[in-house]
Amino acid sequence: MKQNEISRRYREAEIRGASSVECVIMMYDIAIADLRKSLGCLSAGDIEGRTNALVHCLNVLEQLQGSLQMESGGEAARQLYRFYSLARAKILEGQLKCRAPLLQEILASFQRVREMWLEVKGQSQTPPPSESWAAPAESHAGAWSA
């Protein structure tokens, strides 16, 4: 089995077991990788590579934006919707004008928002209940002890 096939199968298994927040973080990872690739292609003069990476990033953005639950998501959903719309506009401008600073700005923004999603993930994970292994506070005559 080829390495790409192994990676794809591993990713599929990871997605199947992921929470919705973990899926969002994975999507951010993909968008960040696309933006990094586009910057590398821009500096190398690889127009096709840059275009492919940015088109893929735009598809990820579309998926993220389309998955927002505007009714139940409240202000957070509205802010993310605006963020995705602005990111789309800046990606297109960066592509058309071949402006690395615009793409770097979007990359930095995605990294910051990804960090926020990691905080959400950490807050949503409840620690397992701890069991008390401490000795009883009062002594019981004839009770077993170690």
N, C-alpha and C. Protein backbone atom coordinates (compact mmCIF):
# COMPACT_ATOMS: atom_id res chain seq x y z
N MET A 1 0.85 -1.18 0.00
CA MET A 1 0.00 0.00 0.00
C MET A 1 0.90 1.24 0.00
N LYS A 2 0.56 2.22 -0.82
CA LYS A 2 1.36 3.44 -0.93
C LYS A 2 1.16 4.34 0.28
N GLN A 3 2.14 5.20 0.52
CA GLN A 3 2.09 6.12 1.67
C GLN A 3 0.88 7.04 1.60
N ASN A 4 0.54 7.53 0.41
CA ASN A 4 -0.63 8.40 0.27
C ASN A 4 -1.91 7.68 0.66
N GLU A 5 -2.01 6.41 0.29
CA GLU A 5 -3.19 5.62 0.63
C GLU A 5 -3.26 5.38 2.14
N ILE A 6 -2.13 5.10 2.74
CA ILE A 6 -2.09 4.91 4.18
C ILE A 6 -2.50 6.20 4.89
N SER A 7 -1.96 7.32 4.45
CA SER A 7 -2.31 8.62 5.05
C SER A 7 -3.80 8.92 4.90
N ARG A 8 -4.35 8.62 3.72
CA ARG A 8 -5.76 8.88 3.47
C ARG A 8 -6.63 8.02 4.39
N ARG A 9 -6.28 6.76 4.54
CA ARG A 9 -7.08 5.87 5.40
C ARG A 9 -6.97 6.29 6.87
N TYR A 10 -5.80 6.70 7.28
CA TYR A 10 -5.62 7.17 8.65
C TYR A 10 -6.47 8.41 8.89
N ARG A 11 -6.46 9.34 7.95
CA ARG A 11 -7.24 10.58 8.06
C ARG A 11 -8.74 10.26 8.13
N GLU A 12 -9.20 9.34 7.30
CA GLU A 12 -10.61 8.95 7.31
C GLU A 12 -11.01 8.37 8.67
N ALA A 13 -10.16 7.53 9.22
CA ALA A 13 -10.46 6.95 10.54
C ALA A 13 -10.47 8.03 11.61
N GLU A 14 -9.56 8.97 11.50
CA GLU A 14 -9.49 10.08 12.45
C GLU A 14 -10.76 10.92 12.38
N ILE A 15 -11.24 11.20 11.18
CA ILE A 15 -12.44 12.01 11.00
C ILE A 15 -13.67 11.30 11.54
N ARG A 16 -13.78 9.99 11.30
CA ARG A 16 -14.94 9.24 11.78
C ARG A 16 -15.07 9.31 13.30
N GLY A 17 -13.95 9.35 14.01
CA GLY A 17 -13.99 9.37 15.46
C GLY A 17 -13.92 10.76 16.06
N ALA A 18 -13.92 11.79 15.24
CA ALA A 18 -13.73 13.16 15.73
C ALA A 18 -15.04 13.82 16.11
N SER A 19 -14.94 14.71 17.08
CA SER A 19 -16.09 15.55 17.44
C SER A 19 -16.24 16.64 16.38
N SER A 20 -17.32 17.38 16.45
CA SER A 20 -17.51 18.46 15.47
C SER A 20 -16.43 19.53 15.63
N VAL A 21 -16.02 19.82 16.85
CA VAL A 21 -14.96 20.82 17.06
C VAL A 21 -13.64 20.30 16.49
N GLU A 22 -13.36 19.02 16.69
CA GLU A 22 -12.13 18.45 16.13
C GLU A 22 -12.15 18.48 14.61
N CYS A 23 -13.31 18.28 14.00
CA CYS A 23 -13.43 18.38 12.54
C CYS A 23 -13.15 19.80 12.07
N VAL A 24 -13.64 20.78 12.80
CA VAL A 24 -13.38 22.18 12.45
C VAL A 24 -11.88 22.45 12.53
N ILE A 25 -11.23 21.96 13.56
CA ILE A 25 -9.79 22.16 13.71
C ILE A 25 -9.04 21.51 12.55
N MET A 26 -9.48 20.32 12.14
CA MET A 26 -8.86 19.66 10.98
C MET A 26 -9.03 20.50 9.72
N MET A 27 -10.20 21.11 9.57
CA MET A 27 -10.43 21.96 8.39
C MET A 27 -9.50 23.18 8.43
N TYR A 28 -9.30 23.74 9.61
CA TYR A 28 -8.37 24.85 9.74
C TYR A 28 -6.95 24.40 9.39
N ASP A 29 -6.57 23.20 9.83
CA ASP A 29 -5.24 22.68 9.49
C ASP A 29 -5.07 22.59 7.98
N ILE A 30 -6.11 22.15 7.30
CA ILE A 30 -6.05 22.03 5.84
C ILE A 30 -5.93 23.41 5.20
N ALA A 31 -6.74 24.37 5.66
CA ALA A 31 -6.68 25.72 5.10
C ALA A 31 -5.31 26.35 5.35
N ILE A 32 -4.77 26.16 6.54
CA ILE A 32 -3.44 26.70 6.87
C ILE A 32 -2.38 26.07 5.97
N ALA A 33 -2.45 24.76 5.77
CA ALA A 33 -1.50 24.09 4.88
C ALA A 33 -1.63 24.63 3.45
N ASP A 34 -2.87 24.85 3.00
CA ASP A 34 -3.09 25.40 1.65
C ASP A 34 -2.48 26.80 1.53
N LEU A 35 -2.67 27.62 2.54
CA LEU A 35 -2.14 28.98 2.50
C LEU A 35 -0.61 28.96 2.51
N ARG A 36 -0.03 28.08 3.31
CA ARG A 36 1.44 27.97 3.32
C ARG A 36 1.96 27.51 1.96
N LYS A 37 1.26 26.53 1.38
CA LYS A 37 1.67 26.04 0.07
C LYS A 37 1.57 27.15 -0.97
N SER A 38 0.48 27.93 -0.91
CA SER A 38 0.31 29.01 -1.89
C SER A 38 1.42 30.05 -1.75
N LEU A 39 1.84 30.34 -0.53
CA LEU A 39 2.94 31.29 -0.33
C LEU A 39 4.25 30.75 -0.90
N GLY A 40 4.50 29.45 -0.68
CA GLY A 40 5.69 28.84 -1.27
C GLY A 40 5.66 28.89 -2.79
N CYS A 41 4.50 28.60 -3.34
CA CYS A 41 4.35 28.64 -4.80
C CYS A 41 4.49 30.06 -5.33
N LEU A 42 3.99 31.02 -4.59
CA LEU A 42 4.10 32.42 -5.00
C LEU A 42 5.57 32.83 -5.08
N SER A 43 6.34 32.48 -4.05
CA SER A 43 7.75 32.86 -4.07
C SER A 43 8.54 32.09 -5.12
N ALA A 44 8.06 30.89 -5.49
CA ALA A 44 8.74 30.09 -6.51
C ALA A 44 8.27 30.42 -7.92
N GLY A 45 7.25 31.28 -8.04
CA GLY A 45 6.72 31.62 -9.35
C GLY A 45 5.86 30.52 -9.95
N ASP A 46 5.37 29.62 -9.11
CA ASP A 46 4.53 28.51 -9.57
C ASP A 46 3.06 28.95 -9.54
N ILE A 47 2.60 29.51 -10.64
CA ILE A 47 1.24 30.05 -10.72
C ILE A 47 0.20 28.95 -10.57
N GLU A 48 0.42 27.83 -11.25
CA GLU A 48 -0.55 26.73 -11.18
C GLU A 48 -0.65 26.17 -9.76
N GLY A 49 0.48 25.96 -9.12
CA GLY A 49 0.49 25.44 -7.76
C GLY A 49 -0.20 26.39 -6.79
N ARG A 50 0.10 27.68 -6.93
CA ARG A 50 -0.53 28.70 -6.08
C ARG A 50 -2.04 28.71 -6.28
N THR A 51 -2.46 28.67 -7.53
CA THR A 51 -3.88 28.70 -7.85
C THR A 51 -4.58 27.46 -7.28
N ASN A 52 -3.99 26.30 -7.47
CA ASN A 52 -4.60 25.06 -6.95
C ASN A 52 -4.72 25.10 -5.43
N ALA A 53 -3.68 25.57 -4.76
CA ALA A 53 -3.71 25.63 -3.30
C ALA A 53 -4.78 26.61 -2.82
N LEU A 54 -4.90 27.75 -3.47
CA LEU A 54 -5.89 28.74 -3.05
C LEU A 54 -7.31 28.31 -3.39
N VAL A 55 -7.49 27.63 -4.51
CA VAL A 55 -8.82 27.10 -4.85
C VAL A 55 -9.23 26.08 -3.79
N HIS A 56 -8.30 25.23 -3.39
CA HIS A 56 -8.61 24.24 -2.35
C HIS A 56 -8.94 24.94 -1.03
N CYS A 57 -8.18 25.97 -0.70
CA CYS A 57 -8.44 26.74 0.52
C CYS A 57 -9.83 27.38 0.46
N LEU A 58 -10.21 27.90 -0.69
CA LEU A 58 -11.55 28.48 -0.85
C LEU A 58 -12.63 27.41 -0.68
N ASN A 59 -12.37 26.20 -1.14
CA ASN A 59 -13.33 25.11 -0.94
C ASN A 59 -13.48 24.77 0.55
N VAL A 60 -12.37 24.79 1.26
CA VAL A 60 -12.41 24.56 2.71
C VAL A 60 -13.22 25.65 3.39
N LEU A 61 -12.97 26.90 2.98
CA LEU A 61 -13.73 28.03 3.53
C LEU A 61 -15.22 27.87 3.28
N GLU A 62 -15.56 27.43 2.08
CA GLU A 62 -16.97 27.22 1.74
C GLU A 62 -17.59 26.17 2.66
N GLN A 63 -16.84 25.11 2.92
CA GLN A 63 -17.32 24.06 3.81
C GLN A 63 -17.50 24.58 5.23
N LEU A 64 -16.52 25.33 5.71
CA LEU A 64 -16.61 25.90 7.06
C LEU A 64 -17.80 26.86 7.17
N GLN A 65 -17.93 27.73 6.19
CA GLN A 65 -19.00 28.71 6.22
C GLN A 65 -20.36 28.03 6.08
N GLY A 66 -20.44 27.03 5.23
CA GLY A 66 -21.70 26.34 5.02
C GLY A 66 -22.14 25.50 6.21
N SER A 67 -21.21 25.15 7.08
CA SER A 67 -21.56 24.33 8.24
C SER A 67 -21.97 25.16 9.45
N LEU A 68 -21.87 26.49 9.34
CA LEU A 68 -22.28 27.34 10.46
C LEU A 68 -23.77 27.20 10.71
N GLN A 69 -24.13 27.13 11.96
CA GLN A 69 -25.55 27.06 12.34
C GLN A 69 -25.96 28.45 12.81
N MET A 70 -26.42 29.24 11.84
CA MET A 70 -26.67 30.66 12.08
C MET A 70 -27.76 30.88 13.13
N GLU A 71 -28.78 30.04 13.16
CA GLU A 71 -29.88 30.26 14.11
C GLU A 71 -29.43 29.98 15.55
N SER A 72 -28.79 28.84 15.74
CA SER A 72 -28.42 28.45 17.10
C SER A 72 -27.03 28.95 17.49
N GLY A 73 -26.22 29.37 16.53
CA GLY A 73 -24.85 29.78 16.81
C GLY A 73 -24.69 31.18 17.34
N GLY A 74 -25.73 31.98 17.22
CA GLY A 74 -25.71 33.32 17.78
C GLY A 74 -24.62 34.22 17.20
N GLU A 75 -24.07 35.06 18.05
CA GLU A 75 -23.08 36.04 17.63
C GLU A 75 -21.80 35.37 17.13
N ALA A 76 -21.42 34.26 17.74
CA ALA A 76 -20.21 33.56 17.30
C ALA A 76 -20.34 33.12 15.84
N ALA A 77 -21.47 32.59 15.47
CA ALA A 77 -21.70 32.15 14.09
C ALA A 77 -21.66 33.34 13.14
N ARG A 78 -22.25 34.46 13.56
CA ARG A 78 -22.24 35.66 12.70
C ARG A 78 -20.82 36.19 12.52
N GLN A 79 -20.02 36.17 13.59
CA GLN A 79 -18.63 36.64 13.50
C GLN A 79 -17.80 35.72 12.59
N LEU A 80 -17.99 34.42 12.74
CA LEU A 80 -17.27 33.49 11.87
C LEU A 80 -17.69 33.64 10.42
N TYR A 81 -18.97 33.88 10.18
CA TYR A 81 -19.46 34.09 8.81
C TYR A 81 -18.75 35.30 8.20
N ARG A 82 -18.65 36.38 8.96
CA ARG A 82 -17.95 37.58 8.47
C ARG A 82 -16.46 37.30 8.25
N PHE A 83 -15.87 36.56 9.18
CA PHE A 83 -14.45 36.21 9.06
C PHE A 83 -14.21 35.42 7.77
N TYR A 84 -15.03 34.42 7.51
CA TYR A 84 -14.86 33.60 6.32
C TYR A 84 -15.08 34.43 5.05
N SER A 85 -16.05 35.33 5.06
CA SER A 85 -16.31 36.18 3.90
C SER A 85 -15.12 37.10 3.63
N LEU A 86 -14.58 37.70 4.69
CA LEU A 86 -13.41 38.57 4.54
C LEU A 86 -12.20 37.78 4.07
N ALA A 87 -12.01 36.58 4.64
CA ALA A 87 -10.88 35.74 4.22
C ALA A 87 -10.99 35.39 2.74
N ARG A 88 -12.20 35.07 2.29
CA ARG A 88 -12.40 34.75 0.88
C ARG A 88 -12.01 35.94 0.00
N ALA A 89 -12.46 37.12 0.37
CA ALA A 89 -12.15 38.32 -0.41
C ALA A 89 -10.64 38.58 -0.45
N LYS A 90 -9.97 38.41 0.69
CA LYS A 90 -8.53 38.66 0.74
C LYS A 90 -7.75 37.60 -0.03
N ILE A 91 -8.22 36.35 0.01
CA ILE A 91 -7.56 35.30 -0.76
C ILE A 91 -7.65 35.63 -2.25
N LEU A 92 -8.83 36.02 -2.69
CA LEU A 92 -9.00 36.37 -4.11
C LEU A 92 -8.14 37.57 -4.49
N GLU A 93 -8.10 38.56 -3.63
CA GLU A 93 -7.26 39.73 -3.90
C GLU A 93 -5.79 39.35 -3.93
N GLY A 94 -5.37 38.53 -2.96
CA GLY A 94 -3.98 38.08 -2.92
C GLY A 94 -3.61 37.28 -4.16
N GLN A 95 -4.54 36.50 -4.65
CA GLN A 95 -4.29 35.71 -5.87
C GLN A 95 -4.20 36.62 -7.09
N LEU A 96 -5.14 37.53 -7.22
CA LEU A 96 -5.16 38.39 -8.40
C LEU A 96 -3.97 39.35 -8.45
N LYS A 97 -3.59 39.88 -7.28
CA LYS A 97 -2.51 40.86 -7.24
C LYS A 97 -1.15 40.25 -6.91
N CYS A 98 -1.13 38.91 -6.68
CA CYS A 98 0.11 38.21 -6.31
C CYS A 98 0.79 38.89 -5.12
N ARG A 99 0.00 39.12 -4.08
CA ARG A 99 0.48 39.85 -2.90
C ARG A 99 0.67 38.90 -1.73
N ALA A 100 1.91 38.57 -1.45
CA ALA A 100 2.24 37.69 -0.33
C ALA A 100 1.78 38.25 1.01
N PRO A 101 1.92 39.57 1.26
CA PRO A 101 1.48 40.09 2.56
C PRO A 101 0.00 39.83 2.86
N LEU A 102 -0.84 39.89 1.85
CA LEU A 102 -2.26 39.59 2.06
C LEU A 102 -2.45 38.12 2.47
N LEU A 103 -1.76 37.25 1.79
CA LEU A 103 -1.88 35.82 2.10
C LEU A 103 -1.28 35.51 3.47
N GLN A 104 -0.19 36.20 3.82
CA GLN A 104 0.41 36.02 5.14
C GLN A 104 -0.52 36.50 6.24
N GLU A 105 -1.23 37.58 5.99
CA GLU A 105 -2.20 38.11 6.95
C GLU A 105 -3.34 37.12 7.18
N ILE A 106 -3.82 36.53 6.10
CA ILE A 106 -4.89 35.53 6.22
C ILE A 106 -4.38 34.31 6.96
N LEU A 107 -3.17 33.88 6.64
CA LEU A 107 -2.57 32.73 7.31
C LEU A 107 -2.49 32.99 8.82
N ALA A 108 -2.01 34.15 9.21
CA ALA A 108 -1.90 34.49 10.64
C ALA A 108 -3.28 34.51 11.30
N SER A 109 -4.27 35.03 10.60
CA SER A 109 -5.63 35.06 11.15
C SER A 109 -6.17 33.65 11.35
N PHE A 110 -5.94 32.79 10.38
CA PHE A 110 -6.40 31.40 10.51
C PHE A 110 -5.71 30.70 11.67
N GLN A 111 -4.43 30.98 11.85
CA GLN A 111 -3.71 30.37 12.96
C GLN A 111 -4.27 30.84 14.31
N ARG A 112 -4.60 32.13 14.41
CA ARG A 112 -5.16 32.66 15.66
C ARG A 112 -6.54 32.05 15.94
N VAL A 113 -7.38 31.97 14.92
CA VAL A 113 -8.72 31.42 15.12
C VAL A 113 -8.62 29.92 15.43
N ARG A 114 -7.68 29.23 14.82
CA ARG A 114 -7.47 27.81 15.13
C ARG A 114 -7.13 27.64 16.61
N GLU A 115 -6.29 28.52 17.13
CA GLU A 115 -5.94 28.46 18.55
C GLU A 115 -7.18 28.63 19.42
N MET A 116 -8.09 29.49 19.00
CA MET A 116 -9.34 29.67 19.74
C MET A 116 -10.17 28.40 19.72
N TRP A 117 -10.19 27.73 18.57
CA TRP A 117 -10.93 26.46 18.48
C TRP A 117 -10.30 25.41 19.39
N LEU A 118 -8.98 25.43 19.52
CA LEU A 118 -8.33 24.51 20.45
C LEU A 118 -8.76 24.77 21.89
N GLU A 119 -8.94 26.06 22.22
CA GLU A 119 -9.43 26.41 23.56
C GLU A 119 -10.86 25.89 23.75
N VAL A 120 -11.69 26.03 22.73
CA VAL A 120 -13.06 25.50 22.80
C VAL A 120 -13.02 24.00 23.01
N LYS A 121 -12.15 23.32 22.28
CA LYS A 121 -12.03 21.87 22.42
C LYS A 121 -11.64 21.52 23.85
N GLY A 122 -10.67 22.25 24.41
CA GLY A 122 -10.23 21.98 25.77
C GLY A 122 -11.32 22.21 26.79
N GLN A 123 -12.15 23.23 26.56
CA GLN A 123 -13.24 23.53 27.49
C GLN A 123 -14.38 22.53 27.36
N SER A 124 -14.53 21.95 26.17
CA SER A 124 -15.65 21.03 25.96
C SER A 124 -15.33 19.61 26.43
N GLN A 125 -14.07 19.34 26.65
CA GLN A 125 -13.69 18.02 27.13
C GLN A 125 -13.75 18.02 28.66
N THR A 126 -14.64 17.24 29.19
CA THR A 126 -14.74 17.15 30.63
C THR A 126 -13.80 16.08 31.14
N PRO A 127 -13.07 16.39 32.19
CA PRO A 127 -12.14 15.39 32.71
C PRO A 127 -12.90 14.22 33.31
N PRO A 128 -12.32 13.04 33.25
CA PRO A 128 -13.01 11.88 33.82
C PRO A 128 -13.15 12.06 35.32
N PRO A 129 -14.22 11.53 35.89
CA PRO A 129 -14.40 11.68 37.33
C PRO A 129 -13.26 10.99 38.06
N SER A 130 -12.72 11.68 39.05
CA SER A 130 -11.61 11.10 39.78
C SER A 130 -12.14 10.24 40.91
N GLU A 131 -11.47 9.18 41.11
CA GLU A 131 -11.84 8.30 42.20
C GLU A 131 -10.92 8.60 43.37
N SER A 132 -11.50 8.63 44.54
CA SER A 132 -10.72 8.93 45.71
C SER A 132 -10.10 7.64 46.24
N TRP A 133 -8.79 7.63 46.26
CA TRP A 133 -8.08 6.47 46.79
C TRP A 133 -7.52 6.77 48.17
N ALA A 134 -7.91 7.90 48.72
CA ALA A 134 -7.40 8.29 50.03
C ALA A 134 -8.01 7.41 51.11
N ALA A 135 -7.26 7.27 52.18
CA ALA A 135 -7.76 6.48 53.32
C ALA A 135 -8.93 7.20 53.96
N PRO A 136 -9.86 6.48 54.51
CA PRO A 136 -11.00 7.10 55.19
C PRO A 136 -10.53 8.00 56.32
N ALA A 137 -11.27 9.09 56.52
CA ALA A 137 -10.89 10.07 57.54
C ALA A 137 -11.02 9.49 58.94
N GLU A 138 -12.01 8.71 59.20
CA GLU A 138 -12.19 8.15 60.54
C GLU A 138 -11.74 6.71 60.55
N SER A 139 -11.17 6.29 61.66
CA SER A 139 -10.71 4.92 61.72
C SER A 139 -11.82 4.02 62.20
N HIS A 140 -11.86 2.86 61.62
CA HIS A 140 -12.88 1.87 61.99
C HIS A 140 -12.16 0.72 62.68
N ALA A 141 -12.58 0.42 63.87
CA ALA A 141 -11.95 -0.67 64.60
C ALA A 141 -12.17 -1.97 63.86
N GLY A 142 -11.12 -2.71 63.69
CA GLY A 142 -11.21 -4.00 63.02
C GLY A 142 -11.29 -3.91 61.50
N ALA A 143 -11.24 -2.68 60.93
CA ALA A 143 -11.29 -2.54 59.47
C ALA A 143 -9.96 -2.94 58.88
N TRP A 144 -10.01 -3.43 57.69
CA TRP A 144 -8.79 -3.82 57.00
C TRP A 144 -8.00 -2.58 56.66
N SER A 145 -6.69 -2.62 56.75
CA SER A 145 -5.85 -1.52 56.36
C SER A 145 -4.61 -2.05 55.67
N ALA A 146 -4.01 -1.23 54.86
CA ALA A 146 -2.82 -1.65 54.14
C ALA A 146 -1.59 -1.22 54.86
